[in-house]
Protein backbone atom coordinates (compact mmCIF):
# COMPACT_ATOMS: atom_id res chain seq x y z
CA UNK A 1 10.47 44.58 -39.73
CA UNK A 2 13.98 44.58 -40.63
CA UNK A 3 15.59 41.45 -41.70
CA UNK A 4 18.64 40.70 -39.61
CA UNK A 5 19.79 37.95 -41.80
CA UNK A 6 22.05 39.33 -44.38
CA UNK A 7 23.24 37.17 -47.13
CA UNK A 8 26.98 36.87 -46.64
CA UNK A 9 28.71 35.88 -49.81
CA UNK A 10 31.62 33.57 -49.11
CA UNK A 11 34.39 33.14 -51.61
CA UNK A 12 34.63 29.71 -52.94
CA UNK A 13 38.06 28.10 -52.69
CA UNK A 14 39.41 27.35 -56.12
CA UNK A 15 41.00 24.03 -56.85
CA UNK A 16 44.59 23.89 -58.04
CA UNK A 17 45.60 22.27 -61.31
CA UNK A 18 47.03 19.34 -59.36
CA UNK A 19 43.65 18.74 -57.75
CA UNK A 20 41.80 19.09 -61.05
CA UNK A 21 43.99 16.77 -63.12
CA UNK A 22 45.40 14.56 -60.43
CA UNK A 23 48.69 15.00 -58.66
CA UNK A 24 50.65 12.36 -60.57
CA UNK A 25 49.43 13.44 -64.01
CA UNK A 26 50.14 17.08 -63.12
CA UNK A 27 53.66 16.18 -61.95
CA UNK A 28 54.34 14.30 -65.20
CA UNK A 29 53.15 17.27 -67.25
CA UNK A 30 55.41 19.62 -65.30
CA UNK A 31 58.39 17.30 -65.73
CA UNK A 32 57.78 16.99 -69.47
CA UNK A 33 57.65 20.78 -69.90
CA UNK A 34 60.88 21.14 -67.93
CA UNK A 35 62.52 18.45 -70.08
CA UNK A 36 61.38 20.26 -73.25
CA UNK A 37 62.89 23.50 -71.96
CA UNK A 38 66.17 21.78 -71.10
CA UNK A 39 66.35 20.16 -74.54
CA UNK A 40 65.77 23.55 -76.16
CA UNK A 41 68.59 25.06 -74.11
CA UNK A 42 70.87 22.19 -75.11
CA UNK A 43 69.98 22.74 -78.76
CA UNK A 44 70.81 26.44 -78.48
CA UNK A 45 74.13 25.70 -76.78
CA UNK A 46 75.00 23.16 -79.46
CA UNK A 47 74.34 25.77 -82.16
CA UNK A 48 76.50 28.29 -80.32
CA UNK A 49 79.34 25.81 -79.98
CA UNK A 50 79.08 24.96 -83.69
CA UNK A 51 79.40 28.64 -84.50
CA UNK A 52 82.42 29.01 -82.24
CA UNK A 53 83.94 25.72 -83.41
CA UNK A 54 86.91 27.24 -85.30
CA UNK A 55 87.97 29.05 -82.14
CA UNK A 56 87.61 26.14 -79.71
CA UNK A 57 90.53 23.83 -79.01
CA UNK A 58 89.95 21.08 -76.49
CA UNK A 59 92.99 19.65 -74.74
CA UNK A 60 93.65 15.97 -74.18
CA UNK A 61 92.66 15.97 -70.50
CA UNK A 62 89.31 17.60 -71.17
CA UNK A 63 88.50 15.16 -73.99
CA UNK A 64 89.45 12.19 -71.83
CA UNK A 65 87.35 13.44 -68.92
CA UNK A 66 84.31 13.65 -71.19
CA UNK A 67 84.78 10.61 -73.39
CA UNK A 68 86.43 8.00 -71.20
CA UNK A 69 84.62 6.10 -68.52
CA UNK A 70 87.64 4.16 -67.25
CA UNK A 71 91.22 3.20 -68.08
CA UNK A 72 90.06 0.68 -70.70
CA UNK A 73 88.60 3.50 -72.80
CA UNK A 74 91.83 5.48 -72.40
CA UNK A 75 93.87 2.47 -73.50
CA UNK A 76 91.68 2.01 -76.59
CA UNK A 77 92.08 5.67 -77.55
CA UNK A 78 95.86 5.40 -77.09
CA UNK A 79 95.97 2.39 -79.41
CA UNK A 80 93.84 4.21 -81.99
CA UNK A 81 96.15 7.22 -81.82
CA UNK A 82 99.21 5.02 -82.30
CA UNK A 83 97.57 3.39 -85.34
CA UNK A 84 97.49 6.69 -87.20
CA UNK A 85 95.13 7.81 -89.92
CA UNK A 86 95.00 4.41 -91.63
CA UNK A 87 93.10 2.96 -88.69
CA UNK A 88 93.16 -0.42 -87.01
CA UNK A 89 90.84 -3.39 -86.79
CA UNK A 90 89.18 -4.15 -83.44
CA UNK A 91 90.77 -7.60 -83.44
CA UNK A 92 94.19 -5.89 -83.73
CA UNK A 93 93.38 -3.56 -80.84
CA UNK A 94 92.50 -6.55 -78.69
CA UNK A 95 96.03 -7.92 -78.06
CA UNK A 96 97.09 -4.53 -76.69
CA UNK A 97 94.17 -4.34 -74.23
CA UNK A 98 93.52 -8.02 -73.59
CA UNK A 99 94.69 -7.84 -69.99
CA UNK A 100 91.34 -6.09 -69.33
CA UNK A 101 89.50 -9.26 -70.38
CA UNK A 102 87.80 -7.90 -73.51
CA UNK A 103 86.60 -9.52 -76.71
CA UNK A 104 86.88 -7.77 -80.09
CA UNK A 105 83.18 -6.86 -80.10
CA UNK A 106 83.66 -5.23 -76.69
CA UNK A 107 86.26 -2.96 -78.29
CA UNK A 108 83.81 -1.87 -80.97
CA UNK A 109 81.07 -1.31 -78.42
CA UNK A 110 83.37 0.80 -76.23
CA UNK A 111 84.42 2.95 -79.21
CA UNK A 112 80.76 3.56 -80.03
CA UNK A 113 80.06 4.54 -76.42
CA UNK A 114 83.01 6.96 -76.45
CA UNK A 115 81.56 8.51 -79.61
CA UNK A 116 78.12 8.80 -78.02
CA UNK A 117 79.46 10.53 -74.91
CA UNK A 118 81.45 13.04 -76.96
CA UNK A 119 78.54 13.58 -79.34
CA UNK A 120 76.22 14.36 -76.43
CA UNK A 121 78.60 16.80 -74.75
CA UNK A 122 80.35 18.69 -77.53
CA UNK A 123 78.90 17.40 -80.79
CA UNK A 124 82.09 15.70 -82.03
CA UNK A 125 83.10 12.11 -82.61
CA UNK A 126 86.27 10.49 -81.30
CA UNK A 127 86.70 7.75 -83.88
CA UNK A 128 85.29 6.93 -87.27
CA UNK A 129 85.08 3.83 -89.41
CA UNK A 130 87.37 3.62 -92.40
CA UNK A 131 86.31 0.47 -94.11
CA UNK A 132 86.38 -2.13 -91.36
CA UNK A 133 89.00 -0.23 -89.38
CA UNK A 134 88.60 2.42 -86.69
CA UNK A 135 90.68 5.61 -86.75
CA UNK A 136 90.70 8.79 -84.69
CA UNK A 137 89.00 11.80 -86.24
CA UNK A 138 90.86 14.97 -87.12
CA UNK A 139 89.21 16.64 -84.11
CA UNK A 140 90.79 14.09 -81.77
CA UNK A 141 94.18 14.31 -83.45
CA UNK A 142 94.10 18.10 -83.18
CA UNK A 143 93.06 17.99 -79.52
CA UNK A 144 95.57 15.28 -78.67
CA UNK A 145 98.47 17.20 -80.16
CA UNK A 146 97.47 20.65 -78.83
CA UNK A 147 100.05 22.27 -76.62
CA UNK A 148 99.28 24.23 -73.47
CA UNK A 149 100.22 27.52 -75.18
CA UNK A 150 97.78 26.94 -78.06
CA UNK A 151 94.97 26.28 -75.63
CA UNK A 152 95.68 29.30 -73.45
CA UNK A 153 95.96 31.72 -76.41
């Protein structure tokens, strides 16, 4: 007698990582690895830009597009530029931008935000404290006074 029943081996379907760990946990792990990769790329780009720093000249429009959120930020930077290298107190900036409805601590907070935005994008600061006063950095003064020919060369 021959046995007609042959043992047919079926392949077992393997579970995916999402099914093993849970879909939400798996998604969070994927997102965190992507964020780590992006941060590494940003770090590499920052190092490259630091190496090329002597050759990079940013013009006024580019700096404003990165650093300034609105016309209030632009007005504050204009006042800081007019103050020169000695700097100016936030309470002295206030009368020149008071039609925007700011207080002196709002001026300080906005300068710090401008610095944060520039720091994130190109690794430079727009203004620095000199005692109690705020003054534009040499990077900002150089970028503000750059001519079109210097930038294109």
